[in-house]
Amino acid sequence: VCTPTATHLPLSLDAIAAGKHVLSEKPLHTDAAPAFDAA
């Protein structure tokens, strides 16, 4: 995921749901809680 910041989390979550390994640009999210949830 090499896209603008606001798209990192939703795109990463879609990839996770599809069973793919994911490399995302930082930040995953500008709040910690959604990032912990993605992990």
PDB file of all heavy atoms in Angstrom:
ATOM      1  N   VAL A   1       0.858  -1.188   0.000  1.00  0.00           N
ATOM      2  CA  VAL A   1       0.000   0.000   0.000  1.00  0.00           C
ATOM      3  C   VAL A   1       0.891   1.233   0.000  1.00  0.00           C
ATOM      4  O   VAL A   1       1.503   1.580   1.010  1.00  0.00           O
ATOM      5  CB  VAL A   1      -0.949   0.002   1.221  1.00  0.00           C
ATOM      6  CG1 VAL A   1      -1.798   1.272   1.231  1.00  0.00           C
ATOM      7  CG2 VAL A   1      -1.834  -1.244   1.207  1.00  0.00           C
ATOM      8  N   CYS A   2       0.980   1.883  -1.145  1.00  0.00           N
ATOM      9  CA  CYS A   2       1.824   3.069  -1.313  1.00  0.00           C
ATOM     10  C   CYS A   2       0.949   4.200  -1.840  1.00  0.00           C
ATOM     11  O   CYS A   2       1.028   4.586  -3.006  1.00  0.00           O
ATOM     12  CB  CYS A   2       2.974   2.745  -2.264  1.00  0.00           C
ATOM     13  SG  CYS A   2       4.165   4.080  -2.457  1.00  0.00           S
ATOM     14  N   THR A   3       0.105   4.715  -0.975  1.00  0.00           N
ATOM     15  CA  THR A   3      -0.958   5.655  -1.348  1.00  0.00           C
ATOM     16  C   THR A   3      -1.015   6.789  -0.313  1.00  0.00           C
ATOM     17  O   THR A   3      -0.301   6.746   0.696  1.00  0.00           O
ATOM     18  CB  THR A   3      -2.312   4.921  -1.384  1.00  0.00           C
ATOM     19  OG1 THR A   3      -2.517   4.280  -0.107  1.00  0.00           O
ATOM     20  CG2 THR A   3      -2.351   3.875  -2.489  1.00  0.00           C
ATOM     21  N   PRO A   4      -1.862   7.810  -0.511  1.00  0.00           N
ATOM     22  CA  PRO A   4      -1.983   8.868   0.489  1.00  0.00           C
ATOM     23  C   PRO A   4      -2.408   8.352   1.862  1.00  0.00           C
ATOM     24  O   PRO A   4      -3.065   7.315   1.990  1.00  0.00           O
ATOM     25  CB  PRO A   4      -3.048   9.791  -0.127  1.00  0.00           C
ATOM     26  CG  PRO A   4      -2.916   9.575  -1.595  1.00  0.00           C
ATOM     27  CD  PRO A   4      -2.603   8.124  -1.753  1.00  0.00           C
ATOM     28  N   THR A   5      -2.025   9.097   2.887  1.00  0.00           N
ATOM     29  CA  THR A   5      -2.157   8.664   4.280  1.00  0.00           C
ATOM     30  C   THR A   5      -3.554   8.172   4.638  1.00  0.00           C
ATOM     31  O   THR A   5      -3.703   7.119   5.268  1.00  0.00           O
ATOM     32  CB  THR A   5      -1.764   9.821   5.222  1.00  0.00           C
ATOM     33  OG1 THR A   5      -0.377  10.131   5.001  1.00  0.00           O
ATOM     34  CG2 THR A   5      -1.968   9.448   6.674  1.00  0.00           C
ATOM     35  N   ALA A   6      -4.580   8.904   4.256  1.00  0.00           N
ATOM     36  CA  ALA A   6      -5.936   8.566   4.683  1.00  0.00           C
ATOM     37  C   ALA A   6      -6.413   7.225   4.151  1.00  0.00           C
ATOM     38  O   ALA A   6      -7.373   6.647   4.674  1.00  0.00           O
ATOM     39  CB  ALA A   6      -6.910   9.666   4.264  1.00  0.00           C
ATOM     40  N   THR A   7      -5.738   6.694   3.124  1.00  0.00           N
ATOM     41  CA  THR A   7      -6.166   5.428   2.515  1.00  0.00           C
ATOM     42  C   THR A   7      -5.417   4.218   3.062  1.00  0.00           C
ATOM     43  O   THR A   7      -5.768   3.079   2.741  1.00  0.00           O
ATOM     44  CB  THR A   7      -5.980   5.479   0.990  1.00  0.00           C
ATOM     45  OG1 THR A   7      -4.576   5.572   0.697  1.00  0.00           O
ATOM     46  CG2 THR A   7      -6.703   6.668   0.383  1.00  0.00           C
ATOM     47  N   HIS A   8      -4.376   4.422   3.856  1.00  0.00           N
ATOM     48  CA  HIS A   8      -3.538   3.304   4.301  1.00  0.00           C
ATOM     49  C   HIS A   8      -4.347   2.254   5.052  1.00  0.00           C
ATOM     50  O   HIS A   8      -4.236   1.048   4.764  1.00  0.00           O
ATOM     51  CB  HIS A   8      -2.402   3.799   5.200  1.00  0.00           C
ATOM     52  CG  HIS A   8      -1.399   4.642   4.504  1.00  0.00           C
ATOM     53  ND1 HIS A   8      -0.428   5.368   5.176  1.00  0.00           N
ATOM     54  CD2 HIS A   8      -1.199   4.896   3.180  1.00  0.00           C
ATOM     55  CE1 HIS A   8       0.315   6.016   4.308  1.00  0.00           C
ATOM     56  NE2 HIS A   8      -0.134   5.759   3.091  1.00  0.00           N
ATOM     57  N   LEU A   9      -5.135   2.688   6.030  1.00  0.00           N
ATOM     58  CA  LEU A   9      -5.852   1.723   6.860  1.00  0.00           C
ATOM     59  C   LEU A   9      -6.919   0.963   6.081  1.00  0.00           C
ATOM     60  O   LEU A   9      -6.928  -0.279   6.117  1.00  0.00           O
ATOM     61  CB  LEU A   9      -6.456   2.401   8.085  1.00  0.00           C
ATOM     62  CG  LEU A   9      -7.181   1.450   9.040  1.00  0.00           C
ATOM     63  CD1 LEU A   9      -6.212   0.486   9.686  1.00  0.00           C
ATOM     64  CD2 LEU A   9      -7.953   2.228  10.097  1.00  0.00           C
ATOM     65  N   PRO A  10      -7.835   1.631   5.370  1.00  0.00           N
ATOM     66  CA  PRO A  10      -8.871   0.852   4.681  1.00  0.00           C
ATOM     67  C   PRO A  10      -8.312  -0.100   3.635  1.00  0.00           C
ATOM     68  O   PRO A  10      -8.797  -1.230   3.496  1.00  0.00           O
ATOM     69  CB  PRO A  10      -9.775   1.923   4.050  1.00  0.00           C
ATOM     70  CG  PRO A  10      -9.004   3.192   4.085  1.00  0.00           C
ATOM     71  CD  PRO A  10      -8.086   3.091   5.247  1.00  0.00           C
ATOM     72  N   LEU A  11      -7.297   0.320   2.895  1.00  0.00           N
ATOM     73  CA  LEU A  11      -6.710  -0.575   1.900  1.00  0.00           C
ATOM     74  C   LEU A  11      -6.022  -1.763   2.578  1.00  0.00           C
ATOM     75  O   LEU A  11      -6.112  -2.908   2.102  1.00  0.00           O
ATOM     76  CB  LEU A  11      -5.714   0.181   1.024  1.00  0.00           C
ATOM     77  CG  LEU A  11      -6.320   1.225   0.072  1.00  0.00           C
ATOM     78  CD1 LEU A  11      -5.209   2.013  -0.628  1.00  0.00           C
ATOM     79  CD2 LEU A  11      -7.238   0.582  -0.957  1.00  0.00           C
ATOM     80  N   SER A  12      -5.329  -1.502   3.678  1.00  0.00           N
ATOM     81  CA  SER A  12      -4.662  -2.587   4.400  1.00  0.00           C
ATOM     82  C   SER A  12      -5.673  -3.567   4.979  1.00  0.00           C
ATOM     83  O   SER A  12      -5.465  -4.790   4.934  1.00  0.00           O
ATOM     84  CB  SER A  12      -3.784  -2.012   5.520  1.00  0.00           C
ATOM     85  OG  SER A  12      -2.726  -1.241   4.994  1.00  0.00           O
ATOM     86  N   LEU A  13      -6.777  -3.065   5.503  1.00  0.00           N
ATOM     87  CA  LEU A  13      -7.806  -3.949   6.053  1.00  0.00           C
ATOM     88  C   LEU A  13      -8.430  -4.812   4.962  1.00  0.00           C
ATOM     89  O   LEU A  13      -8.708  -6.001   5.180  1.00  0.00           O
ATOM     90  CB  LEU A  13      -8.881  -3.128   6.765  1.00  0.00           C
ATOM     91  CG  LEU A  13      -8.463  -2.463   8.080  1.00  0.00           C
ATOM     92  CD1 LEU A  13      -9.609  -1.624   8.637  1.00  0.00           C
ATOM     93  CD2 LEU A  13      -8.017  -3.497   9.107  1.00  0.00           C
ATOM     94  N   ASP A  14      -8.628  -4.237   3.787  1.00  0.00           N
ATOM     95  CA  ASP A  14      -9.161  -5.026   2.670  1.00  0.00           C
ATOM     96  C   ASP A  14      -8.188  -6.140   2.291  1.00  0.00           C
ATOM     97  O   ASP A  14      -8.598  -7.270   1.996  1.00  0.00           O
ATOM     98  CB  ASP A  14      -9.420  -4.131   1.457  1.00  0.00           C
ATOM     99  CG  ASP A  14     -10.673  -3.282   1.608  1.00  0.00           C
ATOM    100  OD1 ASP A  14     -11.427  -3.488   2.577  1.00  0.00           O
ATOM    101  OD2 ASP A  14     -10.887  -2.398   0.743  1.00  0.00           O
ATOM    102  N   ALA A  15      -6.889  -5.823   2.281  1.00  0.00           N
ATOM    103  CA  ALA A  15      -5.890  -6.832   1.939  1.00  0.00           C
ATOM    104  C   ALA A  15      -5.845  -7.938   2.991  1.00  0.00           C
ATOM    105  O   ALA A  15      -5.751  -9.126   2.658  1.00  0.00           O
ATOM    106  CB  ALA A  15      -4.518  -6.180   1.791  1.00  0.00           C
ATOM    107  N   ILE A  16      -5.916  -7.566   4.252  1.00  0.00           N
ATOM    108  CA  ILE A  16      -5.926  -8.557   5.335  1.00  0.00           C
ATOM    109  C   ILE A  16      -7.137  -9.474   5.194  1.00  0.00           C
ATOM    110  O   ILE A  16      -7.029 -10.702   5.295  1.00  0.00           O
ATOM    111  CB  ILE A  16      -5.916  -7.857   6.704  1.00  0.00           C
ATOM    112  CG1 ILE A  16      -4.557  -7.196   6.954  1.00  0.00           C
ATOM    113  CG2 ILE A  16      -6.242  -8.847   7.828  1.00  0.00           C
ATOM    114  CD1 ILE A  16      -4.538  -6.254   8.144  1.00  0.00           C
ATOM    115  N   ALA A  17      -8.295  -8.873   4.957  1.00  0.00           N
ATOM    116  CA  ALA A  17      -9.521  -9.667   4.807  1.00  0.00           C
ATOM    117  C   ALA A  17      -9.412 -10.643   3.640  1.00  0.00           C
ATOM    118  O   ALA A  17     -10.009 -11.723   3.668  1.00  0.00           O
ATOM    119  CB  ALA A  17     -10.717  -8.740   4.618  1.00  0.00           C
ATOM    120  N   ALA A  18      -8.633 -10.267   2.620  1.00  0.00           N
ATOM    121  CA  ALA A  18      -8.447 -11.139   1.466  1.00  0.00           C
ATOM    122  C   ALA A  18      -7.363 -12.187   1.690  1.00  0.00           C
ATOM    123  O   ALA A  18      -7.065 -12.979   0.784  1.00  0.00           O
ATOM    124  CB  ALA A  18      -8.105 -10.297   0.236  1.00  0.00           C
ATOM    125  N   GLY A  19      -6.766 -12.187   2.880  1.00  0.00           N
ATOM    126  CA  GLY A  19      -5.751 -13.179   3.210  1.00  0.00           C
ATOM    127  C   GLY A  19      -4.386 -12.894   2.627  1.00  0.00           C
ATOM    128  O   GLY A  19      -3.577 -13.815   2.430  1.00  0.00           O
ATOM    129  N   LYS A  20      -4.088 -11.612   2.371  1.00  0.00           N
ATOM    130  CA  LYS A  20      -2.798 -11.241   1.796  1.00  0.00           C
ATOM    131  C   LYS A  20      -1.872 -10.689   2.886  1.00  0.00           C
ATOM    132  O   LYS A  20      -2.322 -10.007   3.808  1.00  0.00           O
ATOM    133  CB  LYS A  20      -2.966 -10.153   0.728  1.00  0.00           C
ATOM    134  CG  LYS A  20      -4.064 -10.405  -0.290  1.00  0.00           C
ATOM    135  CD  LYS A  20      -3.789 -11.571  -1.199  1.00  0.00           C
ATOM    136  CE  LYS A  20      -4.824 -11.649  -2.323  1.00  0.00           C
ATOM    137  NZ  LYS A  20      -4.639 -12.858  -3.168  1.00  0.00           N
ATOM    138  N   HIS A  21      -0.578 -10.962   2.769  1.00  0.00           N
ATOM    139  CA  HIS A  21       0.407 -10.240   3.568  1.00  0.00           C
ATOM    140  C   HIS A  21       0.381  -8.781   3.111  1.00  0.00           C
ATOM    141  O   HIS A  21       0.084  -8.491   1.947  1.00  0.00           O
ATOM    142  CB  HIS A  21       1.796 -10.828   3.371  1.00  0.00           C
ATOM    143  CG  HIS A  21       1.876 -12.300   3.647  1.00  0.00           C
ATOM    144  ND1 HIS A  21       1.663 -12.844   4.891  1.00  0.00           N
ATOM    145  CD2 HIS A  21       2.140 -13.351   2.822  1.00  0.00           C
ATOM    146  CE1 HIS A  21       1.803 -14.156   4.834  1.00  0.00           C
ATOM    147  NE2 HIS A  21       2.074 -14.491   3.584  1.00  0.00           N
ATOM    148  N   VAL A  22       0.713  -7.863   4.036  1.00  0.00           N
ATOM    149  CA  VAL A  22       0.575  -6.440   3.702  1.00  0.00           C
ATOM    150  C   VAL A  22       1.790  -5.640   4.159  1.00  0.00           C
ATOM    151  O   VAL A  22       2.221  -5.749   5.310  1.00  0.00           O
ATOM    152  CB  VAL A  22      -0.668  -5.802   4.367  1.00  0.00           C
ATOM    153  CG1 VAL A  22      -0.918  -4.411   3.775  1.00  0.00           C
ATOM    154  CG2 VAL A  22      -1.886  -6.673   4.219  1.00  0.00           C
ATOM    155  N   LEU A  23       2.317  -4.829   3.256  1.00  0.00           N
ATOM    156  CA  LEU A  23       3.272  -3.780   3.597  1.00  0.00           C
ATOM    157  C   LEU A  23       2.568  -2.453   3.335  1.00  0.00           C
ATOM    158  O   LEU A  23       2.092  -2.213   2.224  1.00  0.00           O
ATOM    159  CB  LEU A  23       4.529  -3.889   2.740  1.00  0.00           C
ATOM    160  CG  LEU A  23       5.725  -3.000   3.097  1.00  0.00           C
ATOM    161  CD1 LEU A  23       6.998  -3.549   2.462  1.00  0.00           C
ATOM    162  CD2 LEU A  23       5.556  -1.537   2.674  1.00  0.00           C
ATOM    163  N   SER A  24       2.475  -1.615   4.365  1.00  0.00           N
ATOM    164  CA  SER A  24       1.817  -0.316   4.202  1.00  0.00           C
ATOM    165  C   SER A  24       2.786   0.810   4.507  1.00  0.00           C
ATOM    166  O   SER A  24       3.602   0.715   5.431  1.00  0.00           O
ATOM    167  CB  SER A  24       0.607  -0.191   5.135  1.00  0.00           C
ATOM    168  OG  SER A  24       0.073   1.126   5.095  1.00  0.00           O
ATOM    169  N   GLU A  25       2.670   1.877   3.736  1.00  0.00           N
ATOM    170  CA  GLU A  25       3.365   3.102   4.111  1.00  0.00           C
ATOM    171  C   GLU A  25       2.839   3.578   5.466  1.00  0.00           C
ATOM    172  O   GLU A  25       1.719   3.258   5.874  1.00  0.00           O
ATOM    173  CB  GLU A  25       3.169   4.189   3.054  1.00  0.00           C
ATOM    174  CG  GLU A  25       4.264   4.237   2.020  1.00  0.00           C
ATOM    175  CD  GLU A  25       5.637   4.494   2.620  1.00  0.00           C
ATOM    176  OE1 GLU A  25       5.750   5.259   3.612  1.00  0.00           O
ATOM    177  OE2 GLU A  25       6.611   3.920   2.112  1.00  0.00           O
ATOM    178  N   LYS A  26       3.675   4.360   6.146  1.00  0.00           N
ATOM    179  CA  LYS A  26       3.256   4.900   7.437  1.00  0.00           C
ATOM    180  C   LYS A  26       2.634   6.278   7.225  1.00  0.00           C
ATOM    181  O   LYS A  26       2.887   6.930   6.199  1.00  0.00           O
ATOM    182  CB  LYS A  26       4.432   4.942   8.414  1.00  0.00           C
ATOM    183  CG  LYS A  26       5.609   5.826   7.954  1.00  0.00           C
ATOM    184  CD  LYS A  26       5.402   7.259   8.340  1.00  0.00           C
ATOM    185  CE  LYS A  26       6.335   8.204   7.625  1.00  0.00           C
ATOM    186  NZ  LYS A  26       6.001   9.601   7.796  1.00  0.00           N
ATOM    187  N   PRO A  27       1.814   6.755   8.179  1.00  0.00           N
ATOM    188  CA  PRO A  27       1.289   6.005   9.314  1.00  0.00           C
ATOM    189  C   PRO A  27       0.139   5.110   8.862  1.00  0.00           C
ATOM    190  O   PRO A  27      -0.549   5.427   7.889  1.00  0.00           O
ATOM    191  CB  PRO A  27       0.796   7.098  10.259  1.00  0.00           C
ATOM    192  CG  PRO A  27       0.337   8.189   9.334  1.00  0.00           C
ATOM    193  CD  PRO A  27       1.305   8.153   8.173  1.00  0.00           C
ATOM    194  N   LEU A  28      -0.065   4.009   9.588  1.00  0.00           N
ATOM    195  CA  LEU A  28      -1.207   3.165   9.271  1.00  0.00           C
ATOM    196  C   LEU A  28      -2.495   3.927   9.548  1.00  0.00           C
ATOM    197  O   LEU A  28      -3.469   3.828   8.801  1.00  0.00           O
ATOM    198  CB  LEU A  28      -1.155   1.884  10.097  1.00  0.00           C
ATOM    199  CG  LEU A  28      -2.190   0.818   9.767  1.00  0.00           C
ATOM    200  CD1 LEU A  28      -2.059   0.362   8.327  1.00  0.00           C
ATOM    201  CD2 LEU A  28      -2.043  -0.363  10.712  1.00  0.00           C
ATOM    202  N   HIS A  29      -2.489   4.689  10.637  1.00  0.00           N
ATOM    203  CA  HIS A  29      -3.612   5.567  10.979  1.00  0.00           C
ATOM    204  C   HIS A  29      -3.080   6.635  11.909  1.00  0.00           C
ATOM    205  O   HIS A  29      -2.070   6.426  12.586  1.00  0.00           O
ATOM    206  CB  HIS A  29      -4.738   4.788  11.656  1.00  0.00           C
ATOM    207  CG  HIS A  29      -6.050   5.520  11.668  1.00  0.00           C
ATOM    208  ND1 HIS A  29      -6.364   6.441  12.640  1.00  0.00           N
ATOM    209  CD2 HIS A  29      -7.111   5.476  10.819  1.00  0.00           C
ATOM    210  CE1 HIS A  29      -7.578   6.925  12.404  1.00  0.00           C
ATOM    211  NE2 HIS A  29      -8.043   6.359  11.293  1.00  0.00           N
ATOM    212  N   THR A  30      -3.719   7.789  11.934  1.00  0.00           N
ATOM    213  CA  THR A  30      -3.261   8.873  12.789  1.00  0.00           C
ATOM    214  C   THR A  30      -3.832   8.787  14.200  1.00  0.00           C
ATOM    215  O   THR A  30      -3.624   9.693  15.003  1.00  0.00           O
ATOM    216  CB  THR A  30      -3.604  10.241  12.168  1.00  0.00           C
ATOM    217  OG1 THR A  30      -5.003  10.271  11.842  1.00  0.00           O
ATOM    218  CG2 THR A  30      -2.792  10.472  10.902  1.00  0.00           C
ATOM    219  N   ASP A  31      -4.504   7.703  14.518  1.00  0.00           N
ATOM    220  CA  ASP A  31      -4.899   7.359  15.883  1.00  0.00           C
ATOM    221  C   ASP A  31      -4.392   5.952  16.159  1.00  0.00           C
ATOM    222  O   ASP A  31      -4.387   5.090  15.265  1.00  0.00           O
ATOM    223  CB  ASP A  31      -6.414   7.409  16.083  1.00  0.00           C
ATOM    224  CG  ASP A  31      -6.961   8.825  16.026  1.00  0.00           C
ATOM    225  OD1 ASP A  31      -6.346   9.714  16.641  1.00  0.00           O
ATOM    226  OD2 ASP A  31      -7.981   9.039  15.352  1.00  0.00           O
ATOM    227  N   ALA A  32      -4.001   5.697  17.391  1.00  0.00           N
ATOM    228  CA  ALA A  32      -3.406   4.404  17.719  1.00  0.00           C
ATOM    229  C   ALA A  32      -4.421   3.264  17.708  1.00  0.00           C
ATOM    230  O   ALA A  32      -4.110   2.158  17.250  1.00  0.00           O
ATOM    231  CB  ALA A  32      -2.712   4.481  19.081  1.00  0.00           C
ATOM    232  N   ALA A  33      -5.638   3.507  18.207  1.00  0.00           N
ATOM    233  CA  ALA A  33      -6.601   2.418  18.384  1.00  0.00           C
ATOM    234  C   ALA A  33      -6.908   1.669  17.081  1.00  0.00           C
ATOM    235  O   ALA A  33      -6.884   0.430  17.055  1.00  0.00           O
ATOM    236  CB  ALA A  33      -7.883   2.936  19.026  1.00  0.00           C
ATOM    237  N   PRO A  34      -7.205   2.352  15.968  1.00  0.00           N
ATOM    238  CA  PRO A  34      -7.458   1.611  14.725  1.00  0.00           C
ATOM    239  C   PRO A  34      -6.239   0.835  14.244  1.00  0.00           C
ATOM    240  O   PRO A  34      -6.381  -0.226  13.619  1.00  0.00           O
ATOM    241  CB  PRO A  34      -7.847   2.716  13.732  1.00  0.00           C
ATOM    242  CG  PRO A  34      -8.303   3.855  14.569  1.00  0.00           C
ATOM    243  CD  PRO A  34      -7.459   3.800  15.798  1.00  0.00           C
ATOM    244  N   ALA A  35      -5.036   1.344  14.524  1.00  0.00           N
ATOM    245  CA  ALA A  35      -3.826   0.629  14.121  1.00  0.00           C
ATOM    246  C   ALA A  35      -3.667  -0.653  14.938  1.00  0.00           C
ATOM    247  O   ALA A  35      -3.295  -1.705  14.403  1.00  0.00           O
ATOM    248  CB  ALA A  35      -2.605   1.529  14.278  1.00  0.00           C
ATOM    249  N   PHE A  36      -3.924  -0.586  16.241  1.00  0.00           N
ATOM    250  CA  PHE A  36      -3.886  -1.796  17.071  1.00  0.00           C
ATOM    251  C   PHE A  36      -4.923  -2.808  16.580  1.00  0.00           C
ATOM    252  O   PHE A  36      -4.669  -4.020  16.549  1.00  0.00           O
ATOM    253  CB  PHE A  36      -4.146  -1.459  18.536  1.00  0.00           C
ATOM    254  CG  PHE A  36      -2.950  -0.930  19.277  1.00  0.00           C
ATOM    255  CD1 PHE A  36      -2.956   0.340  19.825  1.00  0.00           C
ATOM    256  CD2 PHE A  36      -1.814  -1.711  19.432  1.00  0.00           C
ATOM    257  CE1 PHE A  36      -1.855   0.827  20.516  1.00  0.00           C
ATOM    258  CE2 PHE A  36      -0.699  -1.231  20.120  1.00  0.00           C
ATOM    259  CZ  PHE A  36      -0.725   0.045  20.658  1.00  0.00           C
ATOM    260  N   ASP A  37      -6.097  -2.320  16.179  1.00  0.00           N
ATOM    261  CA  ASP A  37      -7.142  -3.212  15.684  1.00  0.00           C
ATOM    262  C   ASP A  37      -6.698  -3.915  14.399  1.00  0.00           C
ATOM    263  O   ASP A  37      -6.938  -5.111  14.220  1.00  0.00           O
ATOM    264  CB  ASP A  37      -8.429  -2.417  15.432  1.00  0.00           C
ATOM    265  CG  ASP A  37      -9.540  -3.290  14.865  1.00  0.00           C
ATOM    266  OD1 ASP A  37      -9.994  -4.211  15.579  1.00  0.00           O
ATOM    267  OD2 ASP A  37      -9.943  -3.073  13.713  1.00  0.00           O
ATOM    268  N   ALA A  38      -6.035  -3.185  13.516  1.00  0.00           N
ATOM    269  CA  ALA A  38      -5.545  -3.791  12.271  1.00  0.00           C
ATOM    270  C   ALA A  38      -4.504  -4.861  12.569  1.00  0.00           C
ATOM    271  O   ALA A  38      -4.487  -5.920  11.927  1.00  0.00           O
ATOM    272  CB  ALA A  38      -4.962  -2.715  11.360  1.00  0.00           C
ATOM    273  N   ALA A  39      -3.633  -4.594  13.542  1.00  0.00           N
ATOM    274  CA  ALA A  39      -2.631  -5.597  13.920  1.00  0.00           C
ATOM    275  C   ALA A  39      -3.307  -6.862  14.447  1.00  0.00           C
ATOM    276  O   ALA A  39      -2.894  -7.990  14.128  1.00  0.00           O
ATOM    277  CB  ALA A  39      -1.691  -5.015  14.973  1.00  0.00           C
TER     278      ALA A  39
END
